[in-house]
N, C-alpha and C. Protein backbone atom coordinates (compact mmCIF):
# COMPACT_ATOMS: atom_id res chain seq x y z
N UNK A 1 12.25 -14.67 -16.04
CA UNK A 1 10.98 -14.24 -15.49
C UNK A 1 9.90 -14.53 -16.52
N UNK A 2 8.82 -15.12 -16.09
CA UNK A 2 7.76 -15.48 -17.03
C UNK A 2 6.91 -14.26 -17.37
N UNK A 3 6.37 -14.29 -18.57
CA UNK A 3 5.57 -13.18 -19.06
C UNK A 3 4.19 -13.20 -18.42
N UNK A 4 3.61 -12.01 -18.29
CA UNK A 4 2.25 -11.87 -17.76
C UNK A 4 1.27 -12.23 -18.86
N UNK A 5 0.33 -13.10 -18.55
CA UNK A 5 -0.67 -13.50 -19.53
C UNK A 5 -1.86 -12.54 -19.49
N UNK A 6 -2.69 -12.59 -20.52
CA UNK A 6 -3.90 -11.76 -20.57
C UNK A 6 -4.82 -12.16 -19.42
N UNK A 7 -4.87 -13.45 -19.08
CA UNK A 7 -5.69 -13.89 -17.96
C UNK A 7 -5.22 -13.25 -16.64
N UNK A 8 -3.90 -13.15 -16.47
CA UNK A 8 -3.37 -12.50 -15.26
C UNK A 8 -3.68 -11.01 -15.26
N UNK A 9 -3.64 -10.38 -16.43
CA UNK A 9 -4.02 -8.97 -16.53
C UNK A 9 -5.47 -8.80 -16.09
N UNK A 10 -6.33 -9.69 -16.56
CA UNK A 10 -7.75 -9.62 -16.18
C UNK A 10 -7.93 -9.80 -14.68
N UNK A 11 -7.17 -10.73 -14.09
CA UNK A 11 -7.28 -10.98 -12.65
C UNK A 11 -6.80 -9.78 -11.84
N UNK A 12 -5.70 -9.19 -12.25
CA UNK A 12 -5.18 -8.01 -11.56
C UNK A 12 -6.18 -6.86 -11.69
N UNK A 13 -6.75 -6.69 -12.88
CA UNK A 13 -7.75 -5.64 -13.08
C UNK A 13 -8.96 -5.88 -12.18
N UNK A 14 -9.36 -7.13 -12.06
CA UNK A 14 -10.50 -7.46 -11.19
C UNK A 14 -10.18 -7.14 -9.74
N UNK A 15 -8.98 -7.50 -9.28
CA UNK A 15 -8.59 -7.22 -7.90
C UNK A 15 -8.50 -5.72 -7.63
N UNK A 16 -8.11 -4.97 -8.65
CA UNK A 16 -8.01 -3.50 -8.52
C UNK A 16 -9.33 -2.82 -8.82
N UNK A 17 -10.35 -3.61 -9.11
CA UNK A 17 -11.68 -3.08 -9.43
C UNK A 17 -11.61 -2.14 -10.64
N UNK A 18 -10.86 -2.56 -11.66
CA UNK A 18 -10.73 -1.80 -12.90
C UNK A 18 -11.48 -2.52 -14.01
N UNK A 19 -12.07 -1.76 -14.87
CA UNK A 19 -12.73 -2.33 -16.04
C UNK A 19 -11.90 -2.00 -17.27
N UNK A 20 -11.23 -3.01 -17.82
CA UNK A 20 -10.41 -2.80 -19.01
C UNK A 20 -11.20 -3.25 -20.23
N UNK A 21 -11.06 -2.47 -21.30
CA UNK A 21 -11.70 -2.87 -22.55
C UNK A 21 -10.83 -3.92 -23.23
N UNK A 22 -11.36 -4.55 -24.25
CA UNK A 22 -10.60 -5.56 -25.00
C UNK A 22 -9.36 -4.95 -25.63
N UNK A 23 -9.42 -3.67 -25.99
CA UNK A 23 -8.25 -2.98 -26.57
C UNK A 23 -7.19 -2.67 -25.51
N UNK A 24 -7.64 -2.45 -24.29
CA UNK A 24 -6.70 -2.07 -23.23
C UNK A 24 -5.95 -3.26 -22.65
N UNK A 25 -6.53 -4.44 -22.69
CA UNK A 25 -5.88 -5.63 -22.09
C UNK A 25 -4.51 -5.92 -22.68
N UNK A 26 -4.37 -5.99 -24.04
CA UNK A 26 -3.02 -6.27 -24.56
C UNK A 26 -2.02 -5.15 -24.27
N UNK A 27 -2.49 -3.90 -24.24
CA UNK A 27 -1.58 -2.79 -23.91
C UNK A 27 -1.12 -2.91 -22.47
N UNK A 28 -2.04 -3.26 -21.56
CA UNK A 28 -1.67 -3.43 -20.16
C UNK A 28 -0.72 -4.61 -20.01
N UNK A 29 -0.97 -5.68 -20.74
CA UNK A 29 -0.09 -6.85 -20.72
C UNK A 29 1.32 -6.44 -21.15
N UNK A 30 1.41 -5.67 -22.22
CA UNK A 30 2.71 -5.20 -22.71
C UNK A 30 3.41 -4.34 -21.65
N UNK A 31 2.66 -3.40 -21.06
CA UNK A 31 3.24 -2.50 -20.07
C UNK A 31 3.72 -3.26 -18.83
N UNK A 32 2.91 -4.20 -18.34
CA UNK A 32 3.32 -4.97 -17.16
C UNK A 32 4.55 -5.82 -17.45
N UNK A 33 4.60 -6.42 -18.63
CA UNK A 33 5.78 -7.21 -18.99
C UNK A 33 7.02 -6.32 -19.12
N UNK A 34 6.85 -5.11 -19.64
CA UNK A 34 7.98 -4.19 -19.74
C UNK A 34 8.49 -3.80 -18.36
N UNK A 35 7.58 -3.57 -17.43
CA UNK A 35 7.97 -3.23 -16.05
C UNK A 35 8.73 -4.39 -15.41
N UNK A 36 8.20 -5.61 -15.56
CA UNK A 36 8.87 -6.77 -14.98
C UNK A 36 10.23 -7.03 -15.62
N UNK A 37 10.35 -6.80 -16.93
CA UNK A 37 11.65 -6.94 -17.60
C UNK A 37 12.65 -5.93 -17.04
N UNK A 38 12.19 -4.70 -16.81
CA UNK A 38 13.08 -3.68 -16.27
C UNK A 38 13.52 -4.05 -14.86
N UNK A 39 12.61 -4.55 -14.05
CA UNK A 39 12.97 -4.97 -12.69
C UNK A 39 13.99 -6.11 -12.74
N UNK A 40 13.81 -7.03 -13.68
CA UNK A 40 14.78 -8.13 -13.84
C UNK A 40 16.15 -7.58 -14.21
N UNK A 41 16.18 -6.58 -15.08
CA UNK A 41 17.46 -5.96 -15.46
C UNK A 41 18.10 -5.28 -14.26
N UNK A 42 17.29 -4.60 -13.44
CA UNK A 42 17.84 -3.92 -12.26
C UNK A 42 18.42 -4.92 -11.26
N UNK A 43 17.81 -6.08 -11.14
CA UNK A 43 18.30 -7.07 -10.18
C UNK A 43 19.65 -7.65 -10.60
N UNK A 44 20.05 -7.45 -11.84
CA UNK A 44 21.34 -7.93 -12.33
C UNK A 44 22.48 -6.96 -12.04
N UNK A 45 22.15 -5.74 -11.63
CA UNK A 45 23.16 -4.72 -11.40
C UNK A 45 23.96 -5.06 -10.15
N UNK A 46 25.29 -4.95 -10.27
CA UNK A 46 26.17 -5.21 -9.13
C UNK A 46 26.14 -4.00 -8.20
N UNK A 47 25.65 -4.20 -7.00
CA UNK A 47 25.56 -3.11 -6.03
C UNK A 47 26.57 -3.26 -4.90
N UNK A 48 27.60 -4.06 -5.13
CA UNK A 48 28.65 -4.25 -4.14
C UNK A 48 29.29 -2.90 -3.82
N UNK A 49 29.33 -2.59 -2.53
CA UNK A 49 29.96 -1.34 -2.12
C UNK A 49 29.05 -0.13 -2.17
N UNK A 50 27.82 -0.30 -2.60
CA UNK A 50 26.89 0.82 -2.65
C UNK A 50 26.21 0.93 -1.30
N UNK A 51 26.29 2.11 -0.70
CA UNK A 51 25.67 2.33 0.61
C UNK A 51 24.16 2.33 0.48
N UNK A 52 23.45 1.81 1.48
CA UNK A 52 21.99 1.88 1.45
C UNK A 52 21.52 3.34 1.45
N UNK A 53 20.33 3.55 0.90
CA UNK A 53 19.79 4.90 0.87
C UNK A 53 19.56 5.41 2.29
N UNK A 54 19.70 6.71 2.46
CA UNK A 54 19.45 7.33 3.75
C UNK A 54 17.95 7.45 3.98
N UNK A 55 17.56 7.52 5.22
CA UNK A 55 16.16 7.75 5.55
C UNK A 55 15.82 9.20 5.24
N UNK A 56 14.62 9.44 4.77
CA UNK A 56 14.21 10.78 4.38
C UNK A 56 14.31 11.74 5.55
N UNK A 57 13.89 11.29 6.73
CA UNK A 57 13.96 12.16 7.90
C UNK A 57 15.38 12.63 8.17
N UNK A 58 16.33 11.73 8.03
CA UNK A 58 17.73 12.10 8.26
C UNK A 58 18.21 13.09 7.20
N UNK A 59 17.72 12.93 5.97
CA UNK A 59 18.10 13.84 4.89
C UNK A 59 17.55 15.24 5.13
N UNK A 60 16.39 15.33 5.79
CA UNK A 60 15.77 16.62 6.07
C UNK A 60 16.21 17.22 7.39
N UNK A 61 17.05 16.50 8.12
CA UNK A 61 17.54 16.99 9.39
C UNK A 61 16.55 16.78 10.53
N UNK A 62 15.59 15.89 10.34
CA UNK A 62 14.61 15.60 11.38
C UNK A 62 15.18 14.53 12.30
N UNK A 63 15.13 14.79 13.58
CA UNK A 63 15.62 13.82 14.55
C UNK A 63 14.65 12.65 14.62
N UNK A 64 15.19 11.45 14.65
CA UNK A 64 14.33 10.27 14.73
C UNK A 64 14.52 9.52 16.03
N UNK A 65 15.17 10.17 17.00
CA UNK A 65 15.34 9.49 18.28
C UNK A 65 14.15 9.82 19.18
N UNK A 66 14.00 9.08 20.26
CA UNK A 66 12.86 9.27 21.15
C UNK A 66 13.19 10.20 22.31
N UNK A 67 14.37 10.75 22.34
CA UNK A 67 14.76 11.66 23.42
C UNK A 67 14.57 13.10 22.98
N UNK A 68 13.32 13.50 22.86
CA UNK A 68 13.04 14.89 22.46
C UNK A 68 13.04 15.09 20.96
N UNK A 69 13.11 14.01 20.20
CA UNK A 69 13.13 14.13 18.74
C UNK A 69 11.73 14.33 18.18
N UNK A 70 11.59 14.18 16.89
CA UNK A 70 10.34 14.43 16.19
C UNK A 70 9.33 13.31 16.39
N UNK A 71 9.78 12.13 16.76
CA UNK A 71 8.87 11.01 16.92
C UNK A 71 8.50 10.84 18.38
N UNK A 72 7.25 10.45 18.61
CA UNK A 72 6.83 10.22 19.99
C UNK A 72 7.19 8.79 20.39
N UNK A 73 7.33 8.61 21.67
CA UNK A 73 7.63 7.27 22.18
C UNK A 73 6.42 6.37 21.99
N UNK A 74 6.67 5.11 21.72
CA UNK A 74 5.61 4.13 21.56
C UNK A 74 5.27 3.58 22.94
N UNK A 75 4.35 4.28 23.61
CA UNK A 75 4.01 3.91 24.99
C UNK A 75 2.58 3.44 25.07
N UNK A 76 2.33 2.49 25.95
CA UNK A 76 0.97 1.98 26.17
C UNK A 76 0.18 3.06 26.91
N UNK A 77 -0.99 3.38 26.37
CA UNK A 77 -1.88 4.35 27.01
C UNK A 77 -3.29 3.78 27.04
N UNK A 78 -4.11 4.25 27.95
CA UNK A 78 -5.48 3.74 27.98
C UNK A 78 -6.23 4.14 26.72
N UNK A 79 -7.09 3.26 26.26
CA UNK A 79 -7.87 3.53 25.07
C UNK A 79 -9.19 4.18 25.43
N UNK A 80 -9.87 4.67 24.42
CA UNK A 80 -11.18 5.27 24.61
C UNK A 80 -12.17 4.15 24.94
N UNK A 81 -13.11 4.44 25.82
CA UNK A 81 -14.11 3.46 26.21
C UNK A 81 -15.00 3.11 25.01
N UNK A 82 -15.07 1.82 24.68
CA UNK A 82 -15.84 1.35 23.52
C UNK A 82 -17.31 1.75 23.62
N UNK A 83 -17.90 1.60 24.79
CA UNK A 83 -19.33 1.93 24.94
C UNK A 83 -19.60 3.40 24.65
N UNK A 84 -18.72 4.27 25.10
CA UNK A 84 -18.89 5.71 24.86
C UNK A 84 -18.78 6.01 23.37
N UNK A 85 -17.82 5.37 22.70
CA UNK A 85 -17.64 5.59 21.26
C UNK A 85 -18.85 5.06 20.49
N UNK A 86 -19.29 3.86 20.81
CA UNK A 86 -20.43 3.27 20.10
C UNK A 86 -21.71 4.06 20.36
N UNK A 87 -21.86 4.61 21.55
CA UNK A 87 -23.04 5.41 21.86
C UNK A 87 -23.06 6.70 21.03
N UNK A 88 -21.90 7.22 20.68
CA UNK A 88 -21.82 8.45 19.91
C UNK A 88 -21.87 8.21 18.40
N UNK A 89 -21.77 6.96 17.98
CA UNK A 89 -21.75 6.63 16.55
C UNK A 89 -23.14 6.81 15.94
N UNK A 90 -23.22 7.28 14.69
CA UNK A 90 -24.52 7.42 14.04
C UNK A 90 -25.26 6.09 13.95
N UNK A 91 -24.55 5.01 13.62
CA UNK A 91 -25.15 3.67 13.57
C UNK A 91 -24.13 2.67 14.09
N UNK A 92 -24.61 1.77 14.94
CA UNK A 92 -23.73 0.78 15.53
C UNK A 92 -24.58 -0.39 15.99
N UNK A 93 -23.94 -1.56 16.07
CA UNK A 93 -24.65 -2.70 16.65
C UNK A 93 -24.17 -2.92 18.09
N UNK A 94 -23.45 -1.94 18.64
CA UNK A 94 -22.92 -2.04 19.98
C UNK A 94 -21.49 -2.54 20.01
N UNK A 95 -21.09 -3.19 18.93
CA UNK A 95 -19.73 -3.73 18.85
C UNK A 95 -18.97 -3.15 17.67
N UNK A 96 -19.66 -2.93 16.55
CA UNK A 96 -19.03 -2.42 15.35
C UNK A 96 -19.80 -1.21 14.83
N UNK A 97 -19.10 -0.34 14.08
CA UNK A 97 -19.77 0.75 13.38
C UNK A 97 -20.51 0.16 12.19
N UNK A 98 -21.68 0.69 11.87
CA UNK A 98 -22.39 0.30 10.66
C UNK A 98 -22.20 1.43 9.66
N UNK A 99 -21.75 1.06 8.48
CA UNK A 99 -21.50 2.05 7.43
C UNK A 99 -22.16 1.57 6.14
N UNK A 100 -22.51 2.51 5.26
CA UNK A 100 -23.12 2.08 3.99
C UNK A 100 -22.09 1.41 3.09
N UNK A 101 -22.57 0.51 2.26
CA UNK A 101 -21.72 -0.16 1.29
C UNK A 101 -21.24 0.85 0.26
N UNK A 102 -19.94 0.86 -0.01
CA UNK A 102 -19.39 1.84 -0.95
C UNK A 102 -18.81 1.18 -2.20
N UNK A 103 -18.57 -0.12 -2.16
CA UNK A 103 -18.01 -0.81 -3.33
C UNK A 103 -19.06 -1.76 -3.86
N UNK A 104 -19.37 -1.59 -5.12
CA UNK A 104 -20.35 -2.47 -5.75
C UNK A 104 -19.67 -3.23 -6.88
N UNK A 105 -20.08 -4.44 -7.07
CA UNK A 105 -19.55 -5.25 -8.18
C UNK A 105 -20.67 -5.74 -9.02
């Protein structure tokens, strides 16, 4: 597995909208490489004969069937009328909601 470069750390930080200082970049590079090394080590483990993990719902005794169980059936139902929703929106162009910008770069 190839090592994470400082340039890749910067790109990941940019995508995550994080501002790393010059001191933090090498530490993050070290941490990411350590994580990837650990994942590589885990992929070498022989899991022959190991049962897959159980679903959490089954572990908690929650029924996951659609015959009266905890989950609802995935059935097609009529949707809310778009015009009524847009008319009730604080701001809309008739097709989409208008919202203030929340992410600045």
